[in-house]
C-alpha atoms as a PDB file:
ATOM      1  CA  MET A   1      63.886 105.417 131.563  1.00  0.00           C
ATOM      2  CA  THR A   2      65.921 102.425 130.597  1.00  0.00           C
ATOM      3  CA  SER A   3      64.617  98.882 130.644  1.00  0.00           C
ATOM      4  CA  GLY A   4      64.867  96.573 133.633  1.00  0.00           C
ATOM      5  CA  SER A   5      62.601  96.119 136.619  1.00  0.00           C
ATOM      6  CA  LEU A   6      61.215  99.172 138.380  1.00  0.00           C
ATOM      7  CA  LYS A   7      63.311  98.497 141.493  1.00  0.00           C
ATOM      8  CA  ASP A   8      66.401  97.851 139.380  1.00  0.00           C
ATOM      9  CA  ARG A   9      65.996 101.152 137.527  1.00  0.00           C
ATOM     10  CA  TYR A  10      65.399 103.234 140.658  1.00  0.00           C
ATOM     11  CA  ALA A  11      68.140 101.484 142.638  1.00  0.00           C
ATOM     12  CA  SER A  12      70.522 102.416 139.842  1.00  0.00           C
ATOM     13  CA  LEU A  13      69.206 105.990 139.585  1.00  0.00           C
ATOM     14  CA  LEU A  14      69.406 106.560 143.358  1.00  0.00           C
ATOM     15  CA  ASN A  15      72.648 104.609 143.733  1.00  0.00           C
ATOM     16  CA  VAL A  16      71.263 102.238 146.367  1.00  0.00           C
ATOM     17  CA  LYS A  17      70.749  98.478 146.583  1.00  0.00           C
ATOM     18  CA  GLU A  18      67.428  97.139 145.322  1.00  0.00           C
ATOM     19  CA  LYS A  19      66.665  95.781 148.797  1.00  0.00           C
ATOM     20  CA  ASP A  20      66.848  99.358 150.149  1.00  0.00           C
ATOM     21  CA  LEU A  21      63.830 100.282 148.044  1.00  0.00           C
ATOM     22  CA  THR A  22      61.069  98.799 150.146  1.00  0.00           C
ATOM     23  CA  ASN A  23      58.251 101.135 149.074  1.00  0.00           C
ATOM     24  CA  GLU A  24      57.515  99.850 145.585  1.00  0.00           C
ATOM     25  CA  LYS A  25      54.220 101.759 145.548  1.00  0.00           C
ATOM     26  CA  LEU A  26      56.192 105.035 145.816  1.00  0.00           C
ATOM     27  CA  TYR A  27      58.417 104.216 142.851  1.00  0.00           C
ATOM     28  CA  ARG A  28      55.484 103.039 140.722  1.00  0.00           C
ATOM     29  CA  PHE A  29      53.789 106.374 141.540  1.00  0.00           C
ATOM     30  CA  ILE A  30      56.906 108.387 140.631  1.00  0.00           C
ATOM     31  CA  ASP A  31      57.354 106.364 137.438  1.00  0.00           C
ATOM     32  CA  SER A  32      53.823 107.219 136.350  1.00  0.00           C
ATOM     33  CA  TRP A  33      54.384 110.966 136.953  1.00  0.00           C
ATOM     34  CA  ILE A  34      57.923 111.433 135.542  1.00  0.00           C
ATOM     35  CA  GLY A  35      57.803 113.950 132.713  1.00  0.00           C
ATOM     36  CA  VAL A  36      54.356 115.368 133.523  1.00  0.00           C
ATOM     37  CA  PRO A  37      54.737 119.067 132.635  1.00  0.00           C
ATOM     38  CA  HIS A  38      54.735 121.902 135.154  1.00  0.00           C
ATOM     39  CA  ARG A  39      51.553 123.949 135.359  1.00  0.00           C
ATOM     40  CA  ALA A  40      50.984 126.570 138.074  1.00  0.00           C
ATOM     41  CA  GLY A  41      48.110 125.420 140.270  1.00  0.00           C
ATOM     42  CA  GLY A  42      48.052 122.065 138.458  1.00  0.00           C
ATOM     43  CA  MET A  43      46.894 118.928 140.238  1.00  0.00           C
ATOM     44  CA  ASP A  44      46.674 116.299 137.472  1.00  0.00           C
ATOM     45  CA  ARG A  45      48.685 114.560 134.757  1.00  0.00           C
ATOM     46  CA  LYS A  46      48.023 117.383 132.286  1.00  0.00           C
ATOM     47  CA  GLY A  47      50.203 119.575 134.495  1.00  0.00           C
ATOM     48  CA  VAL A  48      51.221 119.877 138.121  1.00  0.00           C
ATOM     49  CA  ASP A  49      53.135 122.334 140.280  1.00  0.00           C
ATOM     50  CA  CYS A  50      55.608 121.389 143.013  1.00  0.00           C
ATOM     51  CA  SER A  51      53.166 121.597 145.915  1.00  0.00           C
ATOM     52  CA  GLY A  52      50.402 119.924 143.910  1.00  0.00           C
ATOM     53  CA  PHE A  53      52.662 116.991 143.113  1.00  0.00           C
ATOM     54  CA  THR A  54      53.797 116.745 146.748  1.00  0.00           C
ATOM     55  CA  THR A  55      50.177 116.933 147.979  1.00  0.00           C
ATOM     56  CA  ILE A  56      49.104 114.089 145.665  1.00  0.00           C
ATOM     57  CA  LEU A  57      52.151 111.925 146.481  1.00  0.00           C
ATOM     58  CA  GLU A  58      51.771 112.327 150.256  1.00  0.00           C
ATOM     59  CA  LYS A  59      48.037 111.493 150.066  1.00  0.00           C
ATOM     60  CA  GLU A  60      48.326 108.502 147.708  1.00  0.00           C
ATOM     61  CA  ILE A  61      51.487 106.938 149.118  1.00  0.00           C
ATOM     62  CA  TYR A  62      51.489 107.850 152.812  1.00  0.00           C
ATOM     63  CA  ASP A  63      47.814 108.728 153.364  1.00  0.00           C
ATOM     64  CA  ARG A  64      48.913 112.082 154.810  1.00  0.00           C
ATOM     65  CA  THR A  65      47.142 115.338 154.148  1.00  0.00           C
ATOM     66  CA  VAL A  66      49.494 118.263 153.692  1.00  0.00           C
ATOM     67  CA  PRO A  67      48.795 121.964 153.140  1.00  0.00           C
ATOM     68  CA  ARG A  68      48.453 122.994 149.469  1.00  0.00           C
ATOM     69  CA  THR A  69      51.337 125.493 149.307  1.00  0.00           C
ATOM     70  CA  ALA A  70      55.072 124.889 149.738  1.00  0.00           C
ATOM     71  CA  LYS A  71      55.250 127.723 152.297  1.00  0.00           C
ATOM     72  CA  SER A  72      52.453 126.225 154.433  1.00  0.00           C
ATOM     73  CA  MET A  73      54.057 122.776 154.178  1.00  0.00           C
ATOM     74  CA  ALA A  74      57.418 124.204 155.328  1.00  0.00           C
ATOM     75  CA  GLU A  75      55.741 125.774 158.344  1.00  0.00           C
ATOM     76  CA  SER A  76      54.048 122.506 159.309  1.00  0.00           C
ATOM     77  CA  VAL A  77      56.944 120.018 159.202  1.00  0.00           C
ATOM     78  CA  LYS A  78      59.028 118.745 162.079  1.00  0.00           C
ATOM     79  CA  ARG A  79      62.411 120.057 161.018  1.00  0.00           C
ATOM     80  CA  LYS A  80      65.325 117.707 160.378  1.00  0.00           C
ATOM     81  CA  TYR A  81      68.958 117.991 159.441  1.00  0.00           C
ATOM     82  CA  GLU A  82      69.635 116.886 155.885  1.00  0.00           C
ATOM     83  CA  GLU A  83      71.781 113.940 157.034  1.00  0.00           C
ATOM     84  CA  ASP A  84      68.740 112.602 158.947  1.00  0.00           C
ATOM     85  CA  LEU A  85      66.375 112.676 155.978  1.00  0.00           C
ATOM     86  CA  LYS A  86      64.353 109.580 155.178  1.00  0.00           C
ATOM     87  CA  GLU A  87      62.325 108.601 152.149  1.00  0.00           C
ATOM     88  CA  GLY A  88      59.093 110.635 152.072  1.00  0.00           C
ATOM     89  CA  ASP A  89      60.452 113.658 153.972  1.00  0.00           C
ATOM     90  CA  LEU A  90      60.024 117.069 152.385  1.00  0.00           C
ATOM     91  CA  VAL A  91      62.789 119.356 151.142  1.00  0.00           C
ATOM     92  CA  PHE A  92      62.267 123.089 150.591  1.00  0.00           C
ATOM     93  CA  PHE A  93      63.969 125.725 148.505  1.00  0.00           C
ATOM     94  CA  ASP A  94      63.921 129.522 148.344  1.00  0.00           C
ATOM     95  CA  PHE A  95      63.797 130.497 144.669  1.00  0.00           C
ATOM     96  CA  ALA A  96      63.636 134.070 143.359  1.00  0.00           C
ATOM     97  CA  GLY A  97      64.106 135.423 146.877  1.00  0.00           C
ATOM     98  CA  GLN A  98      60.859 133.776 148.014  1.00  0.00           C
ATOM     99  CA  LYS A  99      61.049 131.803 151.256  1.00  0.00           C
ATOM    100  CA  PHE A 100      59.913 128.176 150.794  1.00  0.00           C
ATOM    101  CA  SER A 101      58.786 128.730 147.205  1.00  0.00           C
ATOM    102  CA  HIS A 102      59.588 125.164 146.085  1.00  0.00           C
ATOM    103  CA  VAL A 103      59.095 121.718 147.611  1.00  0.00           C
ATOM    104  CA  GLY A 104      60.179 118.203 146.726  1.00  0.00           C
ATOM    105  CA  VAL A 105      59.977 114.748 148.292  1.00  0.00           C
ATOM    106  CA  TYR A 106      63.204 113.167 149.522  1.00  0.00           C
ATOM    107  CA  LEU A 107      64.048 109.670 148.239  1.00  0.00           C
ATOM    108  CA  HIS A 108      67.548 108.332 148.998  1.00  0.00           C
ATOM    109  CA  ASN A 109      71.154 109.451 148.665  1.00  0.00           C
ATOM    110  CA  ASN A 110      70.370 113.179 148.375  1.00  0.00           C
ATOM    111  CA  LYS A 111      67.924 112.542 145.525  1.00  0.00           C
ATOM    112  CA  PHE A 112      64.461 114.069 145.572  1.00  0.00           C
ATOM    113  CA  VAL A 113      61.465 114.045 143.249  1.00  0.00           C
ATOM    114  CA  HIS A 114      59.705 117.286 142.392  1.00  0.00           C
ATOM    115  CA  ALA A 115      57.851 119.208 139.687  1.00  0.00           C
ATOM    116  CA  SER A 116      60.390 121.594 138.180  1.00  0.00           C
ATOM    117  CA  THR A 117      59.118 124.579 136.217  1.00  0.00           C
ATOM    118  CA  SER A 118      61.326 123.788 133.226  1.00  0.00           C
ATOM    119  CA  LYS A 119      61.296 119.975 133.043  1.00  0.00           C
ATOM    120  CA  GLY A 120      58.121 118.921 134.851  1.00  0.00           C
ATOM    121  CA  VAL A 121      58.302 115.984 137.264  1.00  0.00           C
ATOM    122  CA  ILE A 122      61.937 114.893 137.620  1.00  0.00           C
ATOM    123  CA  ILE A 123      64.382 113.460 140.133  1.00  0.00           C
ATOM    124  CA  SER A 124      67.180 115.842 141.113  1.00  0.00           C
ATOM    125  CA  ASP A 125      70.125 115.821 143.493  1.00  0.00           C
ATOM    126  CA  LEU A 126      70.062 117.993 146.607  1.00  0.00           C
ATOM    127  CA  LYS A 127      73.835 118.332 146.386  1.00  0.00           C
ATOM    128  CA  ASP A 128      73.657 119.672 142.833  1.00  0.00           C
ATOM    129  CA  PRO A 129      75.227 123.126 143.363  1.00  0.00           C
ATOM    130  CA  TRP A 130      72.283 124.881 141.743  1.00  0.00           C
ATOM    131  CA  TYR A 131      69.679 123.281 144.044  1.00  0.00           C
ATOM    132  CA  TYR A 132      71.913 123.267 147.102  1.00  0.00           C
ATOM    133  CA  LYS A 133      72.395 127.014 146.875  1.00  0.00           C
ATOM    134  CA  TYR A 134      68.625 127.472 147.350  1.00  0.00           C
ATOM    135  CA  PHE A 135      68.005 124.594 149.808  1.00  0.00           C
ATOM    136  CA  SER A 136      66.426 126.079 152.929  1.00  0.00           C
ATOM    137  CA  ARG A 137      64.637 123.509 155.090  1.00  0.00           C
ATOM    138  CA  ALA A 138      63.791 119.844 155.373  1.00  0.00           C
ATOM    139  CA  GLY A 139      61.471 117.903 157.589  1.00  0.00           C
ATOM    140  CA  THR A 140      58.871 115.272 158.245  1.00  0.00           C
ATOM    141  CA  ILE A 141      55.141 115.823 158.043  1.00  0.00           C
ATOM    142  CA  LYS A 142      53.887 116.121 161.629  1.00  0.00           C
END
């Protein structure tokens, strides 16, 4: 990441005004996890998978307990249209023909944070054609 304040960097990355980023705790959390490698079943900074990362984020930032797998999370959210998504909502993808095989946490402006198998914890864009092709559900933890 480039220099500048945490809010400044994330406002720039998400293309929003600094004042729109009210949950500084969330962005400090993300900042501390960016680049942590992917590891199937992982739940710590040595390696984490998508649902592990989401589970930890939801617990630490929102004090919400979510199921451990992306599929179970997808089945337990209150569904939303993508244009109604708010920071902290979950976004799901169907990779390799598997329903709800990947999960990320929505931020702002179509951006979401997730643990990708190739790059570890990163921020991606929902509208990126590659992700959008596999996007399957979004919602709020009930």
